[in-house]
C-alpha atoms as a PDB file:
ATOM      1  CA  MET A   1     213.636  19.935  37.402  1.00  0.00           C
ATOM      2  CA  ILE A   2     210.543  20.051  35.221  1.00  0.00           C
ATOM      3  CA  LYS A   3     208.471  21.021  38.265  1.00  0.00           C
ATOM      4  CA  PHE A   4     210.825  23.916  38.893  1.00  0.00           C
ATOM      5  CA  TYR A   5     210.371  25.195  35.324  1.00  0.00           C
ATOM      6  CA  LEU A   6     206.595  24.815  35.497  1.00  0.00           C
ATOM      7  CA  ILE A   7     206.381  26.657  38.783  1.00  0.00           C
ATOM      8  CA  SER A   8     208.687  29.398  37.461  1.00  0.00           C
ATOM      9  CA  LEU A   9     206.604  29.672  34.300  1.00  0.00           C
ATOM     10  CA  LEU A  10     203.376  29.970  36.291  1.00  0.00           C
ATOM     11  CA  LEU A  11     204.822  32.631  38.582  1.00  0.00           C
ATOM     12  CA  PHE A  12     206.249  34.559  35.645  1.00  0.00           C
ATOM     13  CA  THR A  13     202.956  34.582  33.728  1.00  0.00           C
ATOM     14  CA  ASN A  14     200.984  35.551  36.816  1.00  0.00           C
ATOM     15  CA  LEU A  15     203.300  38.421  37.607  1.00  0.00           C
ATOM     16  CA  PHE A  16     203.817  39.814  34.122  1.00  0.00           C
ATOM     17  CA  GLY A  17     201.412  38.266  31.677  1.00  0.00           C
ATOM     18  CA  PHE A  18     198.052  38.619  33.319  1.00  0.00           C
ATOM     19  CA  THR A  19     198.286  41.905  35.157  1.00  0.00           C
ATOM     20  CA  GLN A  20     195.176  43.956  34.654  1.00  0.00           C
ATOM     21  CA  THR A  21     194.894  47.679  34.903  1.00  0.00           C
ATOM     22  CA  LYS A  22     192.679  48.680  37.757  1.00  0.00           C
ATOM     23  CA  GLN A  23     189.670  50.664  36.608  1.00  0.00           C
ATOM     24  CA  ILE A  24     189.160  53.791  38.647  1.00  0.00           C
ATOM     25  CA  ASN A  25     185.614  54.742  39.538  1.00  0.00           C
ATOM     26  CA  PRO A  26     185.910  58.505  40.000  1.00  0.00           C
ATOM     27  CA  ASN A  27     182.283  58.955  41.076  1.00  0.00           C
ATOM     28  CA  LYS A  28     182.830  56.614  44.011  1.00  0.00           C
ATOM     29  CA  HIS A  29     185.995  58.478  44.986  1.00  0.00           C
ATOM     30  CA  PHE A  30     184.131  61.788  44.726  1.00  0.00           C
ATOM     31  CA  GLU A  31     181.331  60.508  46.969  1.00  0.00           C
ATOM     32  CA  ASN A  32     183.957  59.398  49.507  1.00  0.00           C
ATOM     33  CA  LYS A  33     185.644  62.823  49.315  1.00  0.00           C
ATOM     34  CA  ASN A  34     188.804  61.233  47.924  1.00  0.00           C
ATOM     35  CA  TYR A  35     189.257  64.063  45.440  1.00  0.00           C
ATOM     36  CA  LYS A  36     192.831  63.289  44.456  1.00  0.00           C
ATOM     37  CA  GLU A  37     191.865  59.821  43.204  1.00  0.00           C
ATOM     38  CA  ALA A  38     188.660  61.161  41.658  1.00  0.00           C
ATOM     39  CA  ILE A  39     190.693  63.679  39.661  1.00  0.00           C
ATOM     40  CA  LYS A  40     192.887  60.858  38.353  1.00  0.00           C
ATOM     41  CA  GLY A  41     189.838  58.891  37.260  1.00  0.00           C
ATOM     42  CA  TYR A  42     188.086  61.837  35.648  1.00  0.00           C
ATOM     43  CA  LYS A  43     191.263  62.852  33.812  1.00  0.00           C
ATOM     44  CA  GLN A  44     191.524  59.322  32.501  1.00  0.00           C
ATOM     45  CA  GLN A  45     187.965  59.625  31.159  1.00  0.00           C
ATOM     46  CA  LEU A  46     188.687  63.105  29.805  1.00  0.00           C
ATOM     47  CA  LYS A  47     191.338  61.713  27.441  1.00  0.00           C
ATOM     48  CA  SER A  48     188.635  60.204  25.236  1.00  0.00           C
ATOM     49  CA  ASN A  49     186.460  63.337  25.204  1.00  0.00           C
ATOM     50  CA  PRO A  50     188.323  66.526  26.258  1.00  0.00           C
ATOM     51  CA  LYS A  51     185.284  68.833  25.924  1.00  0.00           C
ATOM     52  CA  ASP A  52     182.876  66.668  27.934  1.00  0.00           C
ATOM     53  CA  TYR A  53     180.730  68.990  30.060  1.00  0.00           C
ATOM     54  CA  HIS A  54     180.155  66.622  32.964  1.00  0.00           C
ATOM     55  CA  ILE A  55     183.735  65.393  33.309  1.00  0.00           C
ATOM     56  CA  ASN A  56     185.194  68.916  33.204  1.00  0.00           C
ATOM     57  CA  PHE A  57     182.601  70.039  35.741  1.00  0.00           C
ATOM     58  CA  MET A  58     183.469  67.182  38.098  1.00  0.00           C
ATOM     59  CA  ILE A  59     187.225  67.815  37.838  1.00  0.00           C
ATOM     60  CA  GLY A  60     186.596  71.477  38.639  1.00  0.00           C
ATOM     61  CA  GLN A  61     184.473  70.434  41.613  1.00  0.00           C
ATOM     62  CA  CYS A  62     187.231  68.122  42.844  1.00  0.00           C
ATOM     63  CA  TYR A  63     189.810  70.904  42.717  1.00  0.00           C
ATOM     64  CA  LEU A  64     187.485  73.317  44.535  1.00  0.00           C
ATOM     65  CA  GLU A  65     186.638  70.808  47.254  1.00  0.00           C
ATOM     66  CA  SER A  66     190.179  69.538  47.777  1.00  0.00           C
ATOM     67  CA  TYR A  67     193.287  70.998  49.306  1.00  0.00           C
ATOM     68  CA  ILE A  68     195.181  70.501  46.074  1.00  0.00           C
ATOM     69  CA  ASP A  69     195.649  73.558  43.832  1.00  0.00           C
ATOM     70  CA  LYS A  70     192.233  75.219  43.774  1.00  0.00           C
ATOM     71  CA  SER A  71     193.293  77.567  40.979  1.00  0.00           C
ATOM     72  CA  LYS A  72     193.330  74.583  38.583  1.00  0.00           C
ATOM     73  CA  ALA A  73     189.542  74.514  38.790  1.00  0.00           C
ATOM     74  CA  VAL A  74     189.349  77.714  36.714  1.00  0.00           C
ATOM     75  CA  ASP A  75     190.401  76.058  33.459  1.00  0.00           C
ATOM     76  CA  TYR A  76     187.893  73.229  33.831  1.00  0.00           C
ATOM     77  CA  PHE A  77     184.995  75.544  34.652  1.00  0.00           C
ATOM     78  CA  LYS A  78     185.977  77.813  31.753  1.00  0.00           C
ATOM     79  CA  THR A  79     185.693  74.807  29.470  1.00  0.00           C
ATOM     80  CA  VAL A  80     182.279  74.022  30.941  1.00  0.00           C
ATOM     81  CA  THR A  81     180.940  77.558  30.608  1.00  0.00           C
ATOM     82  CA  SER A  82     182.197  77.877  27.034  1.00  0.00           C
ATOM     83  CA  THR A  83     179.904  75.079  25.839  1.00  0.00           C
ATOM     84  CA  SER A  84     176.466  75.904  24.541  1.00  0.00           C
ATOM     85  CA  ASP A  85     174.754  73.501  26.939  1.00  0.00           C
ATOM     86  CA  SER A  86     176.381  74.875  30.095  1.00  0.00           C
ATOM     87  CA  SER A  87     174.120  75.446  33.054  1.00  0.00           C
ATOM     88  CA  ASP A  88     174.028  78.609  35.064  1.00  0.00           C
ATOM     89  CA  ILE A  89     175.435  76.841  38.101  1.00  0.00           C
ATOM     90  CA  ALA A  90     178.683  76.314  36.190  1.00  0.00           C
ATOM     91  CA  HIS A  91     179.126  80.101  36.198  1.00  0.00           C
ATOM     92  CA  PHE A  92     178.645  80.129  39.966  1.00  0.00           C
ATOM     93  CA  TYR A  93     181.424  77.575  40.397  1.00  0.00           C
ATOM     94  CA  LEU A  94     183.657  79.394  37.904  1.00  0.00           C
ATOM     95  CA  ALA A  95     183.233  82.514  40.034  1.00  0.00           C
ATOM     96  CA  LYS A  96     184.119  80.508  43.163  1.00  0.00           C
ATOM     97  CA  ALA A  97     187.232  79.231  41.400  1.00  0.00           C
ATOM     98  CA  TYR A  98     188.215  82.801  40.464  1.00  0.00           C
ATOM     99  CA  HIS A  99     187.680  83.782  44.096  1.00  0.00           C
ATOM    100  CA  GLN A 100     189.962  80.972  45.287  1.00  0.00           C
ATOM    101  CA  ASP A 101     192.572  82.108  42.730  1.00  0.00           C
ATOM    102  CA  TYR A 102     192.481  85.707  44.067  1.00  0.00           C
ATOM    103  CA  LYS A 103     191.019  87.001  40.791  1.00  0.00           C
ATOM    104  CA  PHE A 104     188.429  89.009  42.636  1.00  0.00           C
ATOM    105  CA  ASP A 105     187.302  91.271  39.788  1.00  0.00           C
ATOM    106  CA  LEU A 106     186.657  88.299  37.513  1.00  0.00           C
ATOM    107  CA  ALA A 107     184.882  86.547  40.363  1.00  0.00           C
ATOM    108  CA  ILE A 108     182.614  89.541  41.017  1.00  0.00           C
ATOM    109  CA  ASN A 109     181.769  89.870  37.313  1.00  0.00           C
ATOM    110  CA  THR A 110     181.002  86.165  37.033  1.00  0.00           C
ATOM    111  CA  PHE A 111     178.866  86.169  40.186  1.00  0.00           C
ATOM    112  CA  GLU A 112     176.940  89.156  38.816  1.00  0.00           C
ATOM    113  CA  TYR A 113     176.444  87.339  35.504  1.00  0.00           C
ATOM    114  CA  TYR A 114     175.172  84.337  37.430  1.00  0.00           C
ATOM    115  CA  ILE A 115     172.751  86.456  39.476  1.00  0.00           C
ATOM    116  CA  LYS A 116     171.274  87.932  36.276  1.00  0.00           C
ATOM    117  CA  HIS A 117     170.702  84.501  34.746  1.00  0.00           C
ATOM    118  CA  THR A 118     169.254  82.502  37.611  1.00  0.00           C
ATOM    119  CA  GLU A 119     166.084  82.519  39.639  1.00  0.00           C
ATOM    120  CA  ASP A 120     167.280  80.365  42.541  1.00  0.00           C
ATOM    121  CA  SER A 121     167.039  82.759  45.484  1.00  0.00           C
ATOM    122  CA  THR A 122     169.152  80.568  47.789  1.00  0.00           C
ATOM    123  CA  VAL A 123     172.112  80.521  45.446  1.00  0.00           C
ATOM    124  CA  ILE A 124     171.651  84.222  44.629  1.00  0.00           C
ATOM    125  CA  LYS A 125     172.025  84.888  48.346  1.00  0.00           C
ATOM    126  CA  ASP A 126     175.236  82.808  48.351  1.00  0.00           C
ATOM    127  CA  ALA A 127     176.531  84.675  45.293  1.00  0.00           C
ATOM    128  CA  LEU A 128     175.902  88.038  46.972  1.00  0.00           C
ATOM    129  CA  GLN A 129     177.802  86.815  50.035  1.00  0.00           C
ATOM    130  CA  TYR A 130     180.720  85.741  47.834  1.00  0.00           C
ATOM    131  CA  ILE A 131     180.729  89.169  46.193  1.00  0.00           C
ATOM    132  CA  THR A 132     181.176  90.618  49.679  1.00  0.00           C
ATOM    133  CA  TYR A 133     184.050  88.176  50.305  1.00  0.00           C
ATOM    134  CA  CYS A 134     185.672  89.260  47.037  1.00  0.00           C
ATOM    135  CA  LYS A 135     185.389  92.937  47.922  1.00  0.00           C
ATOM    136  CA  ASN A 136     186.918  92.235  51.320  1.00  0.00           C
ATOM    137  CA  GLY A 137     189.701  90.249  49.666  1.00  0.00           C
ATOM    138  CA  LYS A 138     190.439  93.093  47.255  1.00  0.00           C
ATOM    139  CA  TYR A 139     190.576  95.549  50.160  1.00  0.00           C
ATOM    140  CA  HIS A 140     192.904  93.393  52.240  1.00  0.00           C
ATOM    141  CA  LEU A 141     195.242  92.696  49.329  1.00  0.00           C
ATOM    142  CA  ALA A 142     195.417  96.413  48.569  1.00  0.00           C
ATOM    143  CA  ASN A 143     195.939  97.315  52.255  1.00  0.00           C
ATOM    144  CA  PRO A 144     198.090  94.633  53.901  1.00  0.00           C
ATOM    145  CA  GLN A 145     198.383  94.735  57.673  1.00  0.00           C
ATOM    146  CA  ASN A 146     201.396  93.817  59.754  1.00  0.00           C
ATOM    147  CA  ILE A 147     200.258  91.464  62.462  1.00  0.00           C
ATOM    148  CA  ARG A 148     202.035  89.460  65.089  1.00  0.00           C
ATOM    149  CA  LEU A 149     200.666  86.243  66.452  1.00  0.00           C
ATOM    150  CA  LYS A 150     201.533  85.452  70.028  1.00  0.00           C
ATOM    151  CA  ASN A 151     201.006  82.080  71.573  1.00  0.00           C
ATOM    152  CA  LEU A 152     199.422  82.531  74.967  1.00  0.00           C
END
């Protein structure tokens, strides 16, 4: 009978007393393109410092790269660009987030701001291409077409 109580006590303490919370390494999840888990980890880190530039930037990146709700990236990149130490590339990603959220005018303005403040010709070329995408998006939203898809 004593053995039964000891075994029960050991099982009970192992199940309930010594459970540890699993630490999430969001950088590892990001590298593995597991953006949903990376977002969870970064949000956990964000609780201690809500205005942290790097964490907000990474959460925005996760939303842009994932198939979750890309429009959620806007708020995180806005937080990043509102800080005094924000880099110009944060404006580029904010513009991409606006583009994904169908806010084409804001995206164009932000891409143009980025172009004025950077010297990286490769990314300027990308920004100009995105401006073209935004203009096309504005046109197609203003002029919807009825189409029919037929399976051949």
